[in-house]
Amino acid sequence: MNNISNGKSYIEGAKIIFSEAIESLKRGHYHRTIRKCQEAVELGVKGLLRIVGVEYPKSHRVGKVLVNSPLKIK
């Protein structure tokens, strides 16, 4: 697998996790909704970074990579 297919796979995973968040919200499981939303955003951002070839730390904190990235995200 290359970076683009890996990135797309991450984004598809993020969509699935976001769907789980919506179900949790409907059931009133707010703590789970927050956690699933955070997980979906994190995985989606990692997918985008992988697609454009930006390395990110193997942690849950990818925000600094976006801020310090030479890419202009509009």
N, C-alpha and C. Protein backbone atom coordinates (compact mmCIF):
# COMPACT_ATOMS: atom_id res chain seq x y z
N MET A 1 0.84 -1.19 0.00
CA MET A 1 0.00 0.00 0.00
C MET A 1 0.88 1.25 0.00
N ASN A 2 0.46 2.25 -0.75
CA ASN A 2 1.22 3.50 -0.75
C ASN A 2 0.52 4.53 0.14
N ASN A 3 1.13 5.71 0.22
CA ASN A 3 0.60 6.75 1.10
C ASN A 3 -0.83 7.14 0.76
N ILE A 4 -1.14 7.22 -0.53
CA ILE A 4 -2.48 7.66 -0.93
C ILE A 4 -3.53 6.62 -0.53
N SER A 5 -3.27 5.36 -0.82
CA SER A 5 -4.27 4.34 -0.46
C SER A 5 -4.36 4.18 1.06
N ASN A 6 -3.24 4.31 1.76
CA ASN A 6 -3.28 4.28 3.23
C ASN A 6 -4.10 5.45 3.77
N GLY A 7 -3.86 6.63 3.22
CA GLY A 7 -4.58 7.82 3.66
C GLY A 7 -6.08 7.69 3.42
N LYS A 8 -6.44 7.18 2.25
CA LYS A 8 -7.86 6.99 1.95
C LYS A 8 -8.49 5.97 2.90
N SER A 9 -7.73 4.95 3.24
CA SER A 9 -8.22 3.95 4.19
C SER A 9 -8.47 4.58 5.56
N TYR A 10 -7.56 5.44 5.99
CA TYR A 10 -7.74 6.15 7.26
C TYR A 10 -9.01 7.00 7.23
N ILE A 11 -9.22 7.69 6.12
CA ILE A 11 -10.39 8.57 6.00
C ILE A 11 -11.68 7.75 6.00
N GLU A 12 -11.67 6.61 5.33
CA GLU A 12 -12.85 5.73 5.36
C GLU A 12 -13.12 5.25 6.78
N GLY A 13 -12.06 4.91 7.50
CA GLY A 13 -12.21 4.52 8.90
C GLY A 13 -12.79 5.64 9.74
N ALA A 14 -12.35 6.87 9.45
CA ALA A 14 -12.87 8.03 10.18
C ALA A 14 -14.37 8.20 9.94
N LYS A 15 -14.81 7.95 8.72
CA LYS A 15 -16.24 8.05 8.41
C LYS A 15 -17.05 7.02 9.21
N ILE A 16 -16.52 5.82 9.32
CA ILE A 16 -17.20 4.77 10.08
C ILE A 16 -17.30 5.15 11.55
N ILE A 17 -16.19 5.64 12.09
CA ILE A 17 -16.17 6.04 13.50
C ILE A 17 -17.13 7.21 13.74
N PHE A 18 -17.21 8.14 12.79
CA PHE A 18 -18.14 9.25 12.93
C PHE A 18 -19.59 8.75 12.93
N SER A 19 -19.89 7.75 12.11
CA SER A 19 -21.23 7.15 12.12
C SER A 19 -21.55 6.55 13.48
N GLU A 20 -20.54 5.93 14.09
CA GLU A 20 -20.71 5.39 15.44
C GLU A 20 -20.98 6.51 16.44
N ALA A 21 -20.34 7.65 16.24
CA ALA A 21 -20.57 8.80 17.12
C ALA A 21 -22.01 9.28 17.02
N ILE A 22 -22.54 9.31 15.81
CA ILE A 22 -23.93 9.74 15.61
C ILE A 22 -24.88 8.80 16.33
N GLU A 23 -24.63 7.50 16.23
CA GLU A 23 -25.47 6.52 16.94
C GLU A 23 -25.38 6.71 18.45
N SER A 24 -24.18 6.97 18.95
CA SER A 24 -24.01 7.21 20.39
C SER A 24 -24.79 8.44 20.83
N LEU A 25 -24.77 9.48 20.00
CA LEU A 25 -25.51 10.70 20.31
C LEU A 25 -27.01 10.43 20.38
N LYS A 26 -27.52 9.67 19.41
CA LYS A 26 -28.95 9.34 19.39
C LYS A 26 -29.37 8.58 20.64
N ARG A 27 -28.45 7.80 21.19
CA ARG A 27 -28.76 7.00 22.38
C ARG A 27 -28.48 7.74 23.68
N GLY A 28 -27.97 8.96 23.56
CA GLY A 28 -27.70 9.75 24.76
C GLY A 28 -26.40 9.40 25.46
N HIS A 29 -25.53 8.70 24.77
CA HIS A 29 -24.22 8.33 25.33
C HIS A 29 -23.22 9.44 24.98
N TYR A 30 -23.34 10.55 25.67
CA TYR A 30 -22.57 11.75 25.30
C TYR A 30 -21.07 11.57 25.49
N HIS A 31 -20.66 10.88 26.54
CA HIS A 31 -19.23 10.66 26.75
C HIS A 31 -18.63 9.85 25.60
N ARG A 32 -19.37 8.87 25.11
CA ARG A 32 -18.90 8.06 23.99
C ARG A 32 -18.93 8.87 22.69
N THR A 33 -19.92 9.74 22.55
CA THR A 33 -20.01 10.59 21.36
C THR A 33 -18.78 11.47 21.23
N ILE A 34 -18.39 12.10 22.34
CA ILE A 34 -17.21 12.97 22.33
C ILE A 34 -15.96 12.17 21.95
N ARG A 35 -15.80 11.02 22.58
CA ARG A 35 -14.62 10.19 22.32
C ARG A 35 -14.57 9.75 20.86
N LYS A 36 -15.70 9.33 20.31
CA LYS A 36 -15.75 8.88 18.91
C LYS A 36 -15.49 10.03 17.94
N CYS A 37 -16.02 11.22 18.25
CA CYS A 37 -15.76 12.38 17.39
C CYS A 37 -14.27 12.72 17.38
N GLN A 38 -13.67 12.71 18.55
CA GLN A 38 -12.23 13.00 18.64
C GLN A 38 -11.43 11.97 17.85
N GLU A 39 -11.80 10.70 17.98
CA GLU A 39 -11.11 9.64 17.26
C GLU A 39 -11.27 9.80 15.75
N ALA A 40 -12.47 10.16 15.31
CA ALA A 40 -12.73 10.34 13.88
C ALA A 40 -11.91 11.49 13.31
N VAL A 41 -11.87 12.61 14.02
CA VAL A 41 -11.09 13.76 13.55
C VAL A 41 -9.61 13.41 13.48
N GLU A 42 -9.12 12.77 14.52
CA GLU A 42 -7.70 12.39 14.56
C GLU A 42 -7.35 11.47 13.39
N LEU A 43 -8.15 10.46 13.14
CA LEU A 43 -7.88 9.53 12.06
C LEU A 43 -8.00 10.21 10.70
N GLY A 44 -8.99 11.09 10.55
CA GLY A 44 -9.14 11.83 9.29
C GLY A 44 -7.96 12.74 9.01
N VAL A 45 -7.48 13.44 10.02
CA VAL A 45 -6.31 14.32 9.86
C VAL A 45 -5.08 13.49 9.51
N LYS A 46 -4.91 12.37 10.19
CA LYS A 46 -3.77 11.50 9.87
C LYS A 46 -3.85 11.00 8.44
N GLY A 47 -5.06 10.69 7.98
CA GLY A 47 -5.24 10.27 6.60
C GLY A 47 -4.85 11.35 5.61
N LEU A 48 -5.28 12.58 5.88
CA LEU A 48 -4.92 13.70 4.99
C LEU A 48 -3.42 13.94 4.99
N LEU A 49 -2.81 13.90 6.17
CA LEU A 49 -1.36 14.09 6.25
C LEU A 49 -0.62 12.99 5.49
N ARG A 50 -1.10 11.77 5.61
CA ARG A 50 -0.45 10.66 4.91
C ARG A 50 -0.57 10.85 3.40
N ILE A 51 -1.73 11.28 2.92
CA ILE A 51 -1.93 11.48 1.48
C ILE A 51 -0.96 12.51 0.92
N VAL A 52 -0.74 13.60 1.66
CA VAL A 52 0.16 14.65 1.15
C VAL A 52 1.62 14.40 1.53
N GLY A 53 1.89 13.28 2.21
CA GLY A 53 3.26 12.89 2.48
C GLY A 53 3.92 13.57 3.67
N VAL A 54 3.12 14.09 4.59
CA VAL A 54 3.67 14.73 5.78
C VAL A 54 3.75 13.70 6.89
N GLU A 55 4.93 13.56 7.47
CA GLU A 55 5.11 12.63 8.59
C GLU A 55 4.52 13.23 9.86
N TYR A 56 3.93 12.40 10.67
CA TYR A 56 3.35 12.85 11.93
C TYR A 56 3.80 11.91 13.04
N PRO A 57 3.78 12.38 14.27
CA PRO A 57 4.22 11.53 15.38
C PRO A 57 3.23 10.38 15.62
N LYS A 58 3.73 9.31 16.14
CA LYS A 58 2.88 8.15 16.44
C LYS A 58 2.18 8.36 17.78
N SER A 59 1.46 9.45 17.88
CA SER A 59 0.73 9.78 19.09
C SER A 59 -0.64 10.30 18.69
N HIS A 60 -1.40 10.72 19.66
CA HIS A 60 -2.74 11.24 19.39
C HIS A 60 -2.74 12.74 19.14
N ARG A 61 -1.59 13.37 19.21
CA ARG A 61 -1.52 14.82 19.11
C ARG A 61 -0.92 15.23 17.76
N VAL A 62 -1.77 15.37 16.77
CA VAL A 62 -1.30 15.72 15.43
C VAL A 62 -1.54 17.19 15.10
N GLY A 63 -2.14 17.93 16.00
CA GLY A 63 -2.44 19.35 15.75
C GLY A 63 -1.21 20.19 15.48
N LYS A 64 -0.14 19.95 16.23
CA LYS A 64 1.09 20.73 16.03
C LYS A 64 1.68 20.49 14.65
N VAL A 65 1.51 19.28 14.13
CA VAL A 65 2.01 18.97 12.80
C VAL A 65 1.29 19.82 11.77
N LEU A 66 -0.02 20.00 11.93
CA LEU A 66 -0.78 20.84 11.00
C LEU A 66 -0.32 22.29 11.07
N VAL A 67 -0.13 22.79 12.28
CA VAL A 67 0.28 24.18 12.47
C VAL A 67 1.67 24.42 11.89
N ASN A 68 2.58 23.48 12.10
CA ASN A 68 3.96 23.65 11.67
C ASN A 68 4.22 23.15 10.25
N SER A 69 3.22 22.61 9.60
CA SER A 69 3.39 22.06 8.26
C SER A 69 3.63 23.18 7.25
N PRO A 70 4.52 22.92 6.28
CA PRO A 70 4.73 23.92 5.23
C PRO A 70 3.55 24.01 4.26
N LEU A 71 2.62 23.08 4.36
CA LEU A 71 1.45 23.10 3.48
C LEU A 71 0.51 24.22 3.88
N LYS A 72 -0.10 24.82 2.92
CA LYS A 72 -1.10 25.86 3.18
C LYS A 72 -2.47 25.21 3.07
N ILE A 73 -3.10 25.01 4.21
CA ILE A 73 -4.42 24.40 4.22
C ILE A 73 -5.46 25.50 4.25
N LYS A 74 -6.30 25.53 3.22
CA LYS A 74 -7.29 26.60 3.10
C LYS A 74 -8.67 26.06 3.36
